[in-house]
PDB file of all heavy atoms in Angstrom:
ATOM      1  N   ILE A   1      -6.569 -15.696   1.756  1.00  0.00           N
ATOM      2  CA  ILE A   1      -5.358 -14.955   1.177  1.00  0.00           C
ATOM      3  C   ILE A   1      -5.726 -13.505   0.874  1.00  0.00           C
ATOM      4  O   ILE A   1      -4.978 -12.633   1.041  1.00  0.00           O
ATOM      5  CB  ILE A   1      -4.873 -15.694   0.007  1.00  0.00           C
ATOM      6  CG1 ILE A   1      -4.316 -17.087   0.451  1.00  0.00           C
ATOM      7  CG2 ILE A   1      -3.851 -14.949  -0.786  1.00  0.00           C
ATOM      8  CD1 ILE A   1      -3.814 -18.001  -0.668  1.00  0.00           C
ATOM      9  N   ASN A   2      -6.924 -13.352   0.202  1.00  0.00           N
ATOM     10  CA  ASN A   2      -7.296 -11.948  -0.091  1.00  0.00           C
ATOM     11  C   ASN A   2      -7.506 -11.110   1.169  1.00  0.00           C
ATOM     12  O   ASN A   2      -7.133  -9.901   1.106  1.00  0.00           O
ATOM     13  CB  ASN A   2      -8.560 -12.019  -0.973  1.00  0.00           C
ATOM     14  CG  ASN A   2      -8.328 -12.508  -2.323  1.00  0.00           C
ATOM     15  OD1 ASN A   2      -7.318 -12.226  -2.844  1.00  0.00           O
ATOM     16  ND2 ASN A   2      -9.293 -13.260  -2.897  1.00  0.00           N
ATOM     17  N   ARG A   3      -8.039 -11.676   2.221  1.00  0.00           N
ATOM     18  CA  ARG A   3      -8.121 -10.892   3.467  1.00  0.00           C
ATOM     19  C   ARG A   3      -6.730 -10.477   3.983  1.00  0.00           C
ATOM     20  O   ARG A   3      -6.519  -9.369   4.470  1.00  0.00           O
ATOM     21  CB  ARG A   3      -8.864 -11.649   4.481  1.00  0.00           C
ATOM     22  CG  ARG A   3     -10.429 -11.675   4.339  1.00  0.00           C
ATOM     23  CD  ARG A   3     -11.094 -12.178   5.554  1.00  0.00           C
ATOM     24  NE  ARG A   3     -10.750 -13.523   5.873  1.00  0.00           N
ATOM     25  CZ  ARG A   3     -11.444 -14.600   5.461  1.00  0.00           C
ATOM     26  NH1 ARG A   3     -12.436 -14.431   4.614  1.00  0.00           N
ATOM     27  NH2 ARG A   3     -11.067 -15.865   5.733  1.00  0.00           N
ATOM     28  N   LEU A   4      -5.799 -11.483   3.967  1.00  0.00           N
ATOM     29  CA  LEU A   4      -4.505 -11.156   4.403  1.00  0.00           C
ATOM     30  C   LEU A   4      -3.805 -10.206   3.563  1.00  0.00           C
ATOM     31  O   LEU A   4      -3.103  -9.239   4.018  1.00  0.00           O
ATOM     32  CB  LEU A   4      -3.658 -12.516   4.400  1.00  0.00           C
ATOM     33  CG  LEU A   4      -2.169 -12.373   4.806  1.00  0.00           C
ATOM     34  CD1 LEU A   4      -2.082 -11.777   6.133  1.00  0.00           C
ATOM     35  CD2 LEU A   4      -1.484 -13.723   4.747  1.00  0.00           C
ATOM     36  N   ARG A   5      -4.039 -10.252   2.264  1.00  0.00           N
ATOM     37  CA  ARG A   5      -3.489  -9.202   1.362  1.00  0.00           C
ATOM     38  C   ARG A   5      -3.919  -7.830   1.714  1.00  0.00           C
ATOM     39  O   ARG A   5      -3.212  -6.858   1.763  1.00  0.00           O
ATOM     40  CB  ARG A   5      -3.703  -9.535  -0.017  1.00  0.00           C
ATOM     41  CG  ARG A   5      -2.918 -10.754  -0.517  1.00  0.00           C
ATOM     42  CD  ARG A   5      -3.248 -11.097  -1.982  1.00  0.00           C
ATOM     43  NE  ARG A   5      -2.407 -12.165  -2.541  1.00  0.00           N
ATOM     44  CZ  ARG A   5      -2.553 -12.799  -3.728  1.00  0.00           C
ATOM     45  NH1 ARG A   5      -3.625 -12.338  -4.527  1.00  0.00           N
ATOM     46  NH2 ARG A   5      -1.762 -13.743  -4.134  1.00  0.00           N
ATOM     47  N   LYS A   6      -5.235  -7.698   1.961  1.00  0.00           N
ATOM     48  CA  LYS A   6      -5.808  -6.461   2.312  1.00  0.00           C
ATOM     49  C   LYS A   6      -5.074  -5.891   3.646  1.00  0.00           C
ATOM     50  O   LYS A   6      -4.798  -4.688   3.779  1.00  0.00           O
ATOM     51  CB  LYS A   6      -7.197  -6.568   2.464  1.00  0.00           C
ATOM     52  CG  LYS A   6      -8.083  -6.408   1.214  1.00  0.00           C
ATOM     53  CD  LYS A   6      -8.235  -4.962   0.830  1.00  0.00           C
ATOM     54  CE  LYS A   6      -9.014  -4.820  -0.487  1.00  0.00           C
ATOM     55  NZ  LYS A   6     -10.411  -4.734  -0.178  1.00  0.00           N
ATOM     56  N   ARG A   7      -4.963  -6.811   4.552  1.00  0.00           N
ATOM     57  CA  ARG A   7      -4.341  -6.425   5.848  1.00  0.00           C
ATOM     58  C   ARG A   7      -2.917  -5.992   5.605  1.00  0.00           C
ATOM     59  O   ARG A   7      -2.491  -4.933   6.240  1.00  0.00           O
ATOM     60  CB  ARG A   7      -4.341  -7.671   6.845  1.00  0.00           C
ATOM     61  CG  ARG A   7      -3.905  -7.340   8.235  1.00  0.00           C
ATOM     62  CD  ARG A   7      -3.860  -8.539   9.154  1.00  0.00           C
ATOM     63  NE  ARG A   7      -5.244  -9.214   9.145  1.00  0.00           N
ATOM     64  CZ  ARG A   7      -5.567 -10.230   9.924  1.00  0.00           C
ATOM     65  NH1 ARG A   7      -4.535 -10.795  10.618  1.00  0.00           N
ATOM     66  NH2 ARG A   7      -6.782 -10.790   9.932  1.00  0.00           N
ATOM     67  N   GLN A   8      -2.123  -6.685   4.832  1.00  0.00           N
ATOM     68  CA  GLN A   8      -0.776  -6.318   4.565  1.00  0.00           C
ATOM     69  C   GLN A   8      -0.769  -4.927   3.908  1.00  0.00           C
ATOM     70  O   GLN A   8       0.134  -4.177   4.163  1.00  0.00           O
ATOM     71  CB  GLN A   8      -0.003  -7.304   3.685  1.00  0.00           C
ATOM     72  CG  GLN A   8       0.252  -8.630   4.407  1.00  0.00           C
ATOM     73  CD  GLN A   8       1.370  -8.432   5.354  1.00  0.00           C
ATOM     74  OE1 GLN A   8       1.277  -7.960   6.462  1.00  0.00           O
ATOM     75  NE2 GLN A   8       2.479  -9.075   4.907  1.00  0.00           N
ATOM     76  N   ILE A   9      -1.648  -4.690   3.010  1.00  0.00           N
ATOM     77  CA  ILE A   9      -1.679  -3.360   2.290  1.00  0.00           C
ATOM     78  C   ILE A   9      -1.873  -2.366   3.321  1.00  0.00           C
ATOM     79  O   ILE A   9      -1.247  -1.244   3.280  1.00  0.00           O
ATOM     80  CB  ILE A   9      -2.801  -3.336   1.184  1.00  0.00           C
ATOM     81  CG1 ILE A   9      -2.414  -4.171   0.014  1.00  0.00           C
ATOM     82  CG2 ILE A   9      -3.187  -1.945   0.838  1.00  0.00           C
ATOM     83  CD1 ILE A   9      -3.445  -4.399  -0.978  1.00  0.00           C
ATOM     84  N   LYS A  10      -2.820  -2.470   4.252  1.00  0.00           N
ATOM     85  CA  LYS A  10      -3.085  -1.502   5.311  1.00  0.00           C
ATOM     86  C   LYS A  10      -1.836  -1.342   6.150  1.00  0.00           C
ATOM     87  O   LYS A  10      -1.568  -0.200   6.638  1.00  0.00           O
ATOM     88  CB  LYS A  10      -4.318  -1.895   6.087  1.00  0.00           C
ATOM     89  CG  LYS A  10      -5.627  -1.729   5.257  1.00  0.00           C
ATOM     90  CD  LYS A  10      -6.836  -1.898   6.161  1.00  0.00           C
ATOM     91  CE  LYS A  10      -7.097  -3.335   6.537  1.00  0.00           C
ATOM     92  NZ  LYS A  10      -8.353  -3.656   7.226  1.00  0.00           N
ATOM     93  N   ASN A  11      -1.167  -2.484   6.427  1.00  0.00           N
ATOM     94  CA  ASN A  11       0.057  -2.292   7.274  1.00  0.00           C
ATOM     95  C   ASN A  11       1.116  -1.435   6.623  1.00  0.00           C
ATOM     96  O   ASN A  11       1.667  -0.602   7.236  1.00  0.00           O
ATOM     97  CB  ASN A  11       0.602  -3.729   7.480  1.00  0.00           C
ATOM     98  CG  ASN A  11      -0.164  -4.577   8.453  1.00  0.00           C
ATOM     99  OD1 ASN A  11      -0.935  -4.088   9.309  1.00  0.00           O
ATOM    100  ND2 ASN A  11      -0.107  -5.916   8.240  1.00  0.00           N
ATOM    101  N   PHE A  12       1.359  -1.656   5.296  1.00  0.00           N
ATOM    102  CA  PHE A  12       2.257  -0.818   4.660  1.00  0.00           C
ATOM    103  C   PHE A  12       1.859   0.615   4.619  1.00  0.00           C
ATOM    104  O   PHE A  12       2.704   1.569   4.776  1.00  0.00           O
ATOM    105  CB  PHE A  12       2.481  -1.350   3.170  1.00  0.00           C
ATOM    106  CG  PHE A  12       3.368  -2.618   3.007  1.00  0.00           C
ATOM    107  CD1 PHE A  12       2.809  -3.790   2.588  1.00  0.00           C
ATOM    108  CD2 PHE A  12       4.657  -2.594   3.444  1.00  0.00           C
ATOM    109  CE1 PHE A  12       3.653  -4.880   2.480  1.00  0.00           C
ATOM    110  CE2 PHE A  12       5.438  -3.636   3.268  1.00  0.00           C
ATOM    111  CZ  PHE A  12       4.974  -4.795   2.738  1.00  0.00           C
ATOM    112  N   LEU A  13       0.547   0.831   4.370  1.00  0.00           N
ATOM    113  CA  LEU A  13       0.131   2.239   4.293  1.00  0.00           C
ATOM    114  C   LEU A  13       0.284   2.863   5.651  1.00  0.00           C
ATOM    115  O   LEU A  13       0.626   4.029   5.747  1.00  0.00           O
ATOM    116  CB  LEU A  13      -1.330   2.256   3.842  1.00  0.00           C
ATOM    117  CG  LEU A  13      -1.564   1.921   2.342  1.00  0.00           C
ATOM    118  CD1 LEU A  13      -3.088   1.640   2.191  1.00  0.00           C
ATOM    119  CD2 LEU A  13      -1.090   3.023   1.434  1.00  0.00           C
ATOM    120  N   ALA A  14      -0.027   2.187   6.748  1.00  0.00           N
ATOM    121  CA  ALA A  14      -0.007   2.726   8.070  1.00  0.00           C
ATOM    122  C   ALA A  14       1.504   3.252   8.332  1.00  0.00           C
ATOM    123  O   ALA A  14       1.708   4.297   8.920  1.00  0.00           O
ATOM    124  CB  ALA A  14      -0.475   1.715   9.052  1.00  0.00           C
ATOM    125  N   LEU A  15       2.397   2.290   8.126  1.00  0.00           N
ATOM    126  CA  LEU A  15       3.779   2.749   8.426  1.00  0.00           C
ATOM    127  C   LEU A  15       4.226   3.859   7.486  1.00  0.00           C
ATOM    128  O   LEU A  15       5.105   4.761   7.971  1.00  0.00           O
ATOM    129  CB  LEU A  15       4.697   1.508   8.323  1.00  0.00           C
ATOM    130  CG  LEU A  15       4.869   0.730   9.574  1.00  0.00           C
ATOM    131  CD1 LEU A  15       5.733  -0.564   9.411  1.00  0.00           C
ATOM    132  CD2 LEU A  15       5.559   1.608  10.732  1.00  0.00           C
ATOM    133  N   THR A  16       3.902   3.813   6.323  1.00  0.00           N
ATOM    134  CA  THR A  16       4.223   4.931   5.286  1.00  0.00           C
ATOM    135  C   THR A  16       3.756   6.288   5.820  1.00  0.00           C
ATOM    136  O   THR A  16       4.463   7.304   5.836  1.00  0.00           O
ATOM    137  CB  THR A  16       3.819   4.604   3.960  1.00  0.00           C
ATOM    138  OG1 THR A  16       4.319   3.457   3.365  1.00  0.00           O
ATOM    139  CG2 THR A  16       4.255   5.781   2.913  1.00  0.00           C
ATOM    140  N   LEU A  17       2.392   6.309   6.248  1.00  0.00           N
ATOM    141  CA  LEU A  17       1.776   7.547   6.457  1.00  0.00           C
ATOM    142  C   LEU A  17       1.866   8.006   7.958  1.00  0.00           C
ATOM    143  O   LEU A  17       1.671   9.225   8.286  1.00  0.00           O
ATOM    144  CB  LEU A  17       0.354   7.502   6.104  1.00  0.00           C
ATOM    145  CG  LEU A  17       0.096   7.582   4.539  1.00  0.00           C
ATOM    146  CD1 LEU A  17      -1.394   7.134   4.218  1.00  0.00           C
ATOM    147  CD2 LEU A  17       0.309   8.975   4.034  1.00  0.00           C
ATOM    148  N   LEU A  18       2.369   7.101   8.806  1.00  0.00           N
ATOM    149  CA  LEU A  18       2.454   7.486  10.210  1.00  0.00           C
ATOM    150  C   LEU A  18       3.883   7.656  10.735  1.00  0.00           C
ATOM    151  O   LEU A  18       4.083   7.902  11.889  1.00  0.00           O
ATOM    152  CB  LEU A  18       1.687   6.492  11.100  1.00  0.00           C
ATOM    153  CG  LEU A  18       0.188   6.467  10.787  1.00  0.00           C
ATOM    154  CD1 LEU A  18      -0.483   5.402  11.732  1.00  0.00           C
ATOM    155  CD2 LEU A  18      -0.474   7.774  10.994  1.00  0.00           C
ATOM    156  N   SER A  19       4.822   7.308   9.803  1.00  0.00           N
ATOM    157  CA  SER A  19       6.222   7.546  10.251  1.00  0.00           C
ATOM    158  C   SER A  19       6.607   9.005  10.043  1.00  0.00           C
ATOM    159  O   SER A  19       6.103   9.721   9.207  1.00  0.00           O
ATOM    160  CB  SER A  19       7.116   6.678   9.290  1.00  0.00           C
ATOM    161  OG  SER A  19       6.916   5.261   9.544  1.00  0.00           O
ATOM    162  N   ALA A  20       7.632   9.440  10.837  1.00  0.00           N
ATOM    163  CA  ALA A  20       8.107  10.815  10.725  1.00  0.00           C
ATOM    164  C   ALA A  20       8.891  10.862   9.427  1.00  0.00           C
ATOM    165  O   ALA A  20       9.561   9.872   8.983  1.00  0.00           O
ATOM    166  CB  ALA A  20       9.015  11.151  11.900  1.00  0.00           C
ATOM    167  N   GLY A  21       8.839  12.053   8.737  1.00  0.00           N
ATOM    168  CA  GLY A  21       9.430  12.168   7.489  1.00  0.00           C
ATOM    169  C   GLY A  21       8.440  12.805   6.549  1.00  0.00           C
ATOM    170  O   GLY A  21       7.448  13.372   6.896  1.00  0.00           O
ATOM    171  N   THR A  22       8.659  12.642   5.215  1.00  0.00           N
ATOM    172  CA  THR A  22       7.792  13.086   4.167  1.00  0.00           C
ATOM    173  C   THR A  22       7.196  11.858   3.506  1.00  0.00           C
ATOM    174  O   THR A  22       7.840  11.165   2.721  1.00  0.00           O
ATOM    175  CB  THR A  22       8.442  13.971   3.210  1.00  0.00           C
ATOM    176  OG1 THR A  22       9.003  15.125   3.836  1.00  0.00           O
ATOM    177  CG2 THR A  22       7.487  14.451   2.163  1.00  0.00           C
ATOM    178  N   PRO A  23       5.889  11.498   3.731  1.00  0.00           N
ATOM    179  CA  PRO A  23       5.363  10.320   3.070  1.00  0.00           C
ATOM    180  C   PRO A  23       5.079  10.560   1.562  1.00  0.00           C
ATOM    181  O   PRO A  23       4.659  11.615   1.137  1.00  0.00           O
ATOM    182  CB  PRO A  23       4.090  10.183   3.902  1.00  0.00           C
ATOM    183  CG  PRO A  23       3.664  11.399   4.283  1.00  0.00           C
ATOM    184  CD  PRO A  23       4.895  12.256   4.540  1.00  0.00           C
ATOM    185  N   MET A  24       5.210   9.533   0.794  1.00  0.00           N
ATOM    186  CA  MET A  24       4.861   9.548  -0.650  1.00  0.00           C
ATOM    187  C   MET A  24       4.050   8.227  -0.957  1.00  0.00           C
ATOM    188  O   MET A  24       4.451   7.166  -0.635  1.00  0.00           O
ATOM    189  CB  MET A  24       6.149   9.515  -1.471  1.00  0.00           C
ATOM    190  CG  MET A  24       5.705   9.721  -2.977  1.00  0.00           C
ATOM    191  SD  MET A  24       7.237   9.626  -4.105  1.00  0.00           S
ATOM    192  CE  MET A  24       7.603   7.873  -4.228  1.00  0.00           C
ATOM    193  N   LEU A  25       2.944   8.482  -1.556  1.00  0.00           N
ATOM    194  CA  LEU A  25       2.058   7.477  -2.049  1.00  0.00           C
ATOM    195  C   LEU A  25       2.216   7.378  -3.550  1.00  0.00           C
ATOM    196  O   LEU A  25       2.520   8.364  -4.252  1.00  0.00           O
ATOM    197  CB  LEU A  25       0.573   7.747  -1.679  1.00  0.00           C
ATOM    198  CG  LEU A  25       0.187   7.819  -0.293  1.00  0.00           C
ATOM    199  CD1 LEU A  25      -1.239   8.345  -0.085  1.00  0.00           C
ATOM    200  CD2 LEU A  25       0.326   6.524   0.427  1.00  0.00           C
ATOM    201  N   THR A  26       1.919   6.177  -4.089  1.00  0.00           N
ATOM    202  CA  THR A  26       1.950   6.010  -5.524  1.00  0.00           C
ATOM    203  C   THR A  26       0.498   5.930  -6.102  1.00  0.00           C
ATOM    204  O   THR A  26      -0.400   5.255  -5.530  1.00  0.00           O
ATOM    205  CB  THR A  26       2.717   4.693  -5.857  1.00  0.00           C
ATOM    206  OG1 THR A  26       4.012   4.787  -5.304  1.00  0.00           O
ATOM    207  CG2 THR A  26       2.766   4.552  -7.410  1.00  0.00           C
ATOM    208  N   MET A  27       0.308   6.552  -7.189  1.00  0.00           N
ATOM    209  CA  MET A  27      -0.968   6.622  -7.840  1.00  0.00           C
ATOM    210  C   MET A  27      -1.674   5.260  -7.900  1.00  0.00           C
ATOM    211  O   MET A  27      -1.105   4.293  -8.457  1.00  0.00           O
ATOM    212  CB  MET A  27      -0.904   7.192  -9.263  1.00  0.00           C
ATOM    213  CG  MET A  27      -2.167   7.202 -10.015  1.00  0.00           C
ATOM    214  SD  MET A  27      -1.902   7.757 -11.783  1.00  0.00           S
ATOM    215  CE  MET A  27      -1.534   6.175 -12.519  1.00  0.00           C
ATOM    216  N   GLY A  28      -2.811   5.149  -7.305  1.00  0.00           N
ATOM    217  CA  GLY A  28      -3.611   3.889  -7.409  1.00  0.00           C
ATOM    218  C   GLY A  28      -3.380   2.981  -6.137  1.00  0.00           C
ATOM    219  O   GLY A  28      -4.223   2.064  -6.068  1.00  0.00           O
ATOM    220  N   ASP A  29      -2.391   3.152  -5.474  1.00  0.00           N
ATOM    221  CA  ASP A  29      -2.133   2.262  -4.224  1.00  0.00           C
ATOM    222  C   ASP A  29      -3.354   2.384  -3.216  1.00  0.00           C
ATOM    223  O   ASP A  29      -3.673   1.453  -2.550  1.00  0.00           O
ATOM    224  CB  ASP A  29      -0.847   2.507  -3.536  1.00  0.00           C
ATOM    225  CG  ASP A  29       0.313   1.848  -4.201  1.00  0.00           C
ATOM    226  OD1 ASP A  29       0.056   1.108  -5.128  1.00  0.00           O
ATOM    227  OD2 ASP A  29       1.530   2.132  -3.790  1.00  0.00           O
ATOM    228  N   GLU A  30      -3.970   3.586  -3.280  1.00  0.00           N
ATOM    229  CA  GLU A  30      -5.053   3.779  -2.358  1.00  0.00           C
ATOM    230  C   GLU A  30      -6.390   3.099  -2.762  1.00  0.00           C
ATOM    231  O   GLU A  30      -7.270   3.046  -1.990  1.00  0.00           O
ATOM    232  CB  GLU A  30      -5.309   5.293  -2.236  1.00  0.00           C
ATOM    233  CG  GLU A  30      -6.075   5.956  -3.390  1.00  0.00           C
ATOM    234  CD  GLU A  30      -5.169   6.349  -4.644  1.00  0.00           C
ATOM    235  OE1 GLU A  30      -4.027   5.909  -4.604  1.00  0.00           O
ATOM    236  OE2 GLU A  30      -5.648   7.098  -5.486  1.00  0.00           O
ATOM    237  N   VAL A  31      -6.314   2.492  -4.001  1.00  0.00           N
ATOM    238  CA  VAL A  31      -7.425   1.674  -4.461  1.00  0.00           C
ATOM    239  C   VAL A  31      -7.022   0.330  -5.006  1.00  0.00           C
ATOM    240  O   VAL A  31      -7.707  -0.349  -5.777  1.00  0.00           O
ATOM    241  CB  VAL A  31      -8.250   2.441  -5.506  1.00  0.00           C
ATOM    242  CG1 VAL A  31      -8.965   3.563  -4.954  1.00  0.00           C
ATOM    243  CG2 VAL A  31      -7.364   2.843  -6.722  1.00  0.00           C
ATOM    244  N   CYS A  32      -5.828  -0.079  -4.610  1.00  0.00           N
ATOM    245  CA  CYS A  32      -5.268  -1.446  -4.947  1.00  0.00           C
ATOM    246  C   CYS A  32      -5.124  -1.638  -6.418  1.00  0.00           C
ATOM    247  O   CYS A  32      -5.462  -2.773  -7.005  1.00  0.00           O
ATOM    248  CB  CYS A  32      -6.230  -2.604  -4.443  1.00  0.00           C
ATOM    249  SG  CYS A  32      -6.470  -2.491  -2.639  1.00  0.00           S
ATOM    250  N   ARG A  33      -4.556  -0.674  -7.115  1.00  0.00           N
ATOM    251  CA  ARG A  33      -4.215  -0.857  -8.527  1.00  0.00           C
ATOM    252  C   ARG A  33      -3.191  -1.867  -8.796  1.00  0.00           C
ATOM    253  O   ARG A  33      -2.169  -1.955  -8.016  1.00  0.00           O
ATOM    254  CB  ARG A  33      -3.735   0.448  -9.183  1.00  0.00           C
ATOM    255  CG  ARG A  33      -3.446   0.488 -10.607  1.00  0.00           C
ATOM    256  CD  ARG A  33      -2.970   1.867 -11.232  1.00  0.00           C
ATOM    257  NE  ARG A  33      -1.665   2.044 -10.774  1.00  0.00           N
ATOM    258  CZ  ARG A  33      -0.617   1.710 -11.563  1.00  0.00           C
ATOM    259  NH1 ARG A  33      -0.814   0.954 -12.663  1.00  0.00           N
ATOM    260  NH2 ARG A  33       0.713   1.935 -11.101  1.00  0.00           N
ATOM    261  N   SER A  34      -3.321  -2.791  -9.702  1.00  0.00           N
ATOM    262  CA  SER A  34      -2.445  -3.808  -9.997  1.00  0.00           C
ATOM    263  C   SER A  34      -1.835  -3.635 -11.441  1.00  0.00           C
ATOM    264  O   SER A  34      -2.533  -3.100 -12.357  1.00  0.00           O
ATOM    265  CB  SER A  34      -3.163  -5.233  -9.949  1.00  0.00           C
ATOM    266  OG  SER A  34      -2.236  -6.293 -10.421  1.00  0.00           O
ATOM    267  N   GLN A  35      -0.587  -4.118 -11.618  1.00  0.00           N
ATOM    268  CA  GLN A  35      -0.027  -4.256 -12.842  1.00  0.00           C
ATOM    269  C   GLN A  35       0.335  -5.732 -13.188  1.00  0.00           C
ATOM    270  O   GLN A  35       1.156  -6.003 -14.052  1.00  0.00           O
ATOM    271  CB  GLN A  35       1.390  -3.453 -12.955  1.00  0.00           C
ATOM    272  CG  GLN A  35       1.140  -1.926 -12.848  1.00  0.00           C
ATOM    273  CD  GLN A  35       2.470  -1.053 -12.781  1.00  0.00           C
ATOM    274  OE1 GLN A  35       2.348   0.132 -12.911  1.00  0.00           O
ATOM    275  NE2 GLN A  35       3.514  -1.816 -12.663  1.00  0.00           N
ATOM    276  N   TRP A  36      -0.452  -6.657 -12.591  1.00  0.00           N
ATOM    277  CA  TRP A  36      -0.370  -8.058 -12.839  1.00  0.00           C
ATOM    278  C   TRP A  36       1.044  -8.616 -12.710  1.00  0.00           C
ATOM    279  O   TRP A  36       1.443  -9.451 -13.534  1.00  0.00           O
ATOM    280  CB  TRP A  36      -0.917  -8.338 -14.280  1.00  0.00           C
ATOM    281  CG  TRP A  36      -2.376  -7.925 -14.466  1.00  0.00           C
ATOM    282  CD1 TRP A  36      -2.796  -6.774 -14.944  1.00  0.00           C
ATOM    283  CD2 TRP A  36      -3.502  -8.555 -13.911  1.00  0.00           C
ATOM    284  NE1 TRP A  36      -4.211  -6.668 -14.876  1.00  0.00           N
ATOM    285  CE2 TRP A  36      -4.615  -7.767 -14.234  1.00  0.00           C
ATOM    286  CE3 TRP A  36      -3.736  -9.752 -13.270  1.00  0.00           C
ATOM    287  CZ2 TRP A  36      -5.914  -8.097 -13.905  1.00  0.00           C
ATOM    288  CZ3 TRP A  36      -5.043 -10.122 -12.882  1.00  0.00           C
ATOM    289  CH2 TRP A  36      -6.194  -9.218 -13.238  1.00  0.00           C
ATOM    290  N   GLY A  37       1.702  -8.024 -11.761  1.00  0.00           N
ATOM    291  CA  GLY A  37       3.132  -8.485 -11.449  1.00  0.00           C
ATOM    292  C   GLY A  37       4.144  -7.918 -12.258  1.00  0.00           C
ATOM    293  O   GLY A  37       5.325  -8.254 -12.091  1.00  0.00           O
ATOM    294  N   ASN A  38       3.875  -6.932 -13.134  1.00  0.00           N
ATOM    295  CA  ASN A  38       4.915  -6.300 -13.878  1.00  0.00           C
ATOM    296  C   ASN A  38       5.549  -5.145 -13.016  1.00  0.00           C
ATOM    297  O   ASN A  38       4.827  -4.283 -12.608  1.00  0.00           O
ATOM    298  CB  ASN A  38       4.272  -5.553 -15.290  1.00  0.00           C
ATOM    299  CG  ASN A  38       5.301  -5.132 -16.197  1.00  0.00           C
ATOM    300  OD1 ASN A  38       6.380  -4.646 -15.761  1.00  0.00           O
ATOM    301  ND2 ASN A  38       5.025  -5.312 -17.497  1.00  0.00           N
ATOM    302  N   ASN A  39       6.840  -5.236 -12.831  1.00  0.00           N
ATOM    303  CA  ASN A  39       7.472  -4.337 -12.023  1.00  0.00           C
ATOM    304  C   ASN A  39       8.356  -3.361 -12.768  1.00  0.00           C
ATOM    305  O   ASN A  39       9.210  -2.631 -12.193  1.00  0.00           O
ATOM    306  CB  ASN A  39       8.351  -5.027 -10.882  1.00  0.00           C
ATOM    307  CG  ASN A  39       9.604  -5.654 -11.392  1.00  0.00           C
ATOM    308  OD1 ASN A  39       9.796  -5.701 -12.701  1.00  0.00           O
ATOM    309  ND2 ASN A  39      10.484  -6.071 -10.520  1.00  0.00           N
TER     310      ASN A  39
END
């Protein structure tokens, strides 16, 4: 499950940063920051 989660994170990052437009990243997403499910 942890391997799959890492893969999914990379999938989201790839589409965000390789799509045409202006990409925006959120602080800490590049290092897997968690808020323990608090949205």
